Structures are given as structure tokens and as C-alpha cells.
Protein backbone atom coordinates (compact mmCIF):
# COMPACT_ATOMS: atom_id res chain seq x y z
CA MET A 1 72.62 -43.90 -9.64
CA SER A 2 70.28 -41.61 -11.47
CA ASP A 3 69.95 -37.90 -10.80
CA LYS A 4 66.14 -38.00 -10.67
CA LYS A 5 64.57 -36.11 -7.82
CA ILE A 6 61.39 -37.39 -6.27
CA ASP A 7 58.83 -34.90 -5.02
CA PHE A 8 57.53 -36.01 -1.62
CA THR A 9 55.43 -32.94 -0.89
CA ILE A 10 51.89 -33.56 0.30
CA LYS A 11 49.36 -32.16 -2.08
CA HIS A 12 46.15 -30.65 -0.76
CA VAL A 13 43.15 -32.82 -1.63
CA GLU A 14 39.78 -31.14 -1.93
CA PRO A 15 36.96 -32.77 0.05
CA ALA A 16 34.10 -34.44 -1.71
CA THR A 17 31.35 -32.17 -2.96
CA PRO A 18 28.26 -34.37 -2.88
CA LEU A 19 25.81 -31.48 -2.77
CA THR A 20 25.52 -28.38 -4.87
CA PHE A 21 22.95 -25.63 -4.37
CA ASP A 22 21.55 -23.37 -7.05
CA GLY A 23 21.72 -19.95 -5.40
CA GLU A 24 19.10 -18.50 -7.72
CA LYS A 25 16.51 -21.18 -6.88
CA CYS A 26 17.31 -21.62 -3.18
CA THR A 27 15.01 -19.64 -0.88
CA GLY A 28 16.91 -20.48 2.31
CA CYS A 29 13.98 -22.39 3.83
CA ASN A 30 16.42 -24.92 5.37
CA ARG A 31 14.05 -27.85 4.86
CA CYS A 32 17.02 -29.81 3.50
CA VAL A 33 18.92 -29.09 6.72
CA ASP A 34 16.09 -30.59 8.77
CA ALA A 35 15.72 -33.60 6.44
CA CYS A 36 19.36 -34.71 6.55
CA PRO A 37 19.56 -37.82 8.80
CA ILE A 38 23.22 -37.27 9.68
CA ASP A 39 23.18 -33.48 10.25
CA LEU A 40 25.54 -32.85 7.37
CA LEU A 41 24.06 -29.44 6.51
CA MET A 42 24.09 -26.18 8.43
CA PRO A 43 21.95 -23.13 7.68
CA GLY A 44 23.67 -20.49 5.58
CA SER A 45 25.51 -17.69 7.36
CA VAL A 46 23.23 -15.09 5.75
CA LYS A 47 19.46 -15.39 6.06
CA GLY A 48 17.99 -16.68 2.79
CA SER A 49 21.31 -18.08 1.53
CA PRO A 50 21.86 -21.75 0.64
CA PRO A 51 22.93 -24.13 3.43
CA GLU A 52 26.54 -25.17 3.84
CA ALA A 53 27.85 -28.73 4.10
CA ALA A 54 29.70 -29.02 7.40
CA TYR A 55 31.18 -32.47 6.78
CA PRO A 56 30.80 -33.26 3.05
CA ASP A 57 32.93 -36.42 3.22
CA GLU A 58 30.35 -38.04 5.51
CA CYS A 59 27.41 -37.77 3.10
CA TRP A 60 25.41 -41.01 2.73
CA TYR A 61 24.06 -39.98 -0.70
CA CYS A 62 20.55 -40.85 0.48
CA GLY A 63 18.89 -37.95 -1.36
CA CYS A 64 16.63 -36.82 1.50
CA CYS A 65 17.71 -33.21 0.99
CA VAL A 66 16.93 -33.37 -2.72
CA MET A 67 13.46 -34.84 -2.14
CA GLU A 68 12.62 -32.30 0.57
CA CYS A 69 13.61 -29.18 -1.39
CA PRO A 70 10.45 -27.42 -2.65
CA SER A 71 12.34 -25.28 -5.18
CA LYS A 72 14.52 -28.09 -6.61
CA ALA A 73 17.67 -26.15 -5.74
CA VAL A 74 19.67 -29.09 -4.36
CA ARG A 75 21.63 -31.38 -6.66
CA LEU A 76 23.25 -34.60 -5.45
CA ARG A 77 26.41 -35.78 -7.18
CA HIS A 78 27.12 -39.46 -6.60
CA PRO A 79 30.75 -40.64 -6.74
CA LEU A 80 31.74 -41.87 -10.17
CA MET A 81 32.09 -45.49 -9.06
CA ASN A 82 28.50 -45.48 -7.70
CA ARG A 83 26.85 -44.14 -10.85
CA ALA A 84 24.86 -46.51 -13.03
CA HIS A 85 26.11 -46.88 -16.59
CA TRP A 86 23.29 -47.96 -18.87
CA VAL A 87 23.83 -49.36 -22.34
CA ARG A 88 21.02 -49.57 -24.85
CA LYS A 89 20.36 -53.17 -25.88
CA ASP A 90 20.24 -52.37 -29.61
CA THR A 91 23.81 -51.02 -29.48
CA LEU A 92 25.29 -54.29 -28.18
CA LYS A 93 27.10 -56.58 -30.60
CA GLU A 94 26.31 -60.24 -31.11
CA THR A 95 28.98 -62.77 -30.20
CA PRO A 96 30.02 -65.53 -32.63
CA GLU A 97 29.36 -68.16 -29.95
CA ASN A 98 25.78 -67.08 -29.41
CA PRO A 99 24.37 -64.82 -32.14
CA GLU A 100 21.05 -64.32 -30.34
CA LYS A 101 22.47 -63.15 -27.03
CA PRO A 102 24.25 -59.77 -26.96
CA SER A 103 27.45 -59.41 -24.98
CA LEU A 104 28.34 -56.56 -22.70
């Protein structure tokens, strides 16, 4: 038997942060709060402050809040696996089997 000890403690996992607000740009108009179809956002605790995400894990990533914001203070961060990864065609290499068709 080995003397290795296994750590079974539960580590705290931070919730998703799909939305970020630029405090300098945000006027606290709460138009993003009204636009959210799933009532994810709540008005800020102080008048004129950015809204707060009540349930950030439930965000649909629809972008309604971003489109509704007049001051462009809302930024939506899609999960890494949902982001598009574009590759320029001229950077692709030709394959020996088909020199005219680039491979990914």
C-alpha cells in the first residue's frame, strides 16, 4: 500500500459570469433589466449603479441586454465551447492528396 493521501475536500466553484458591466459607461437606466427574457438581471442596489445578475448560471446568451443598452456598457461573454474559431483560408496548408483543397 502506498502512503499517498487523497484530498476529498469540496472546492468552491465560482458561478458563470456571462455578463460584465462597465461602471463608467453604465448610467443605471435598467433597460437591460427590462429586455432580459428570463429576468436574470435585477436593478443595482444604488440608484445609477449597474444591474446585478441574480442567477448568472441561467443566462441564455441571447444578447438582448447588449442590444438594448444605449451606452454600450454591457458585455456578453459566451462560454469557451460556444465561441466561433475562425481560421483565415490563406493560412491553411494544402494536403498531398488534394493540393487544391486546403485542410482544416
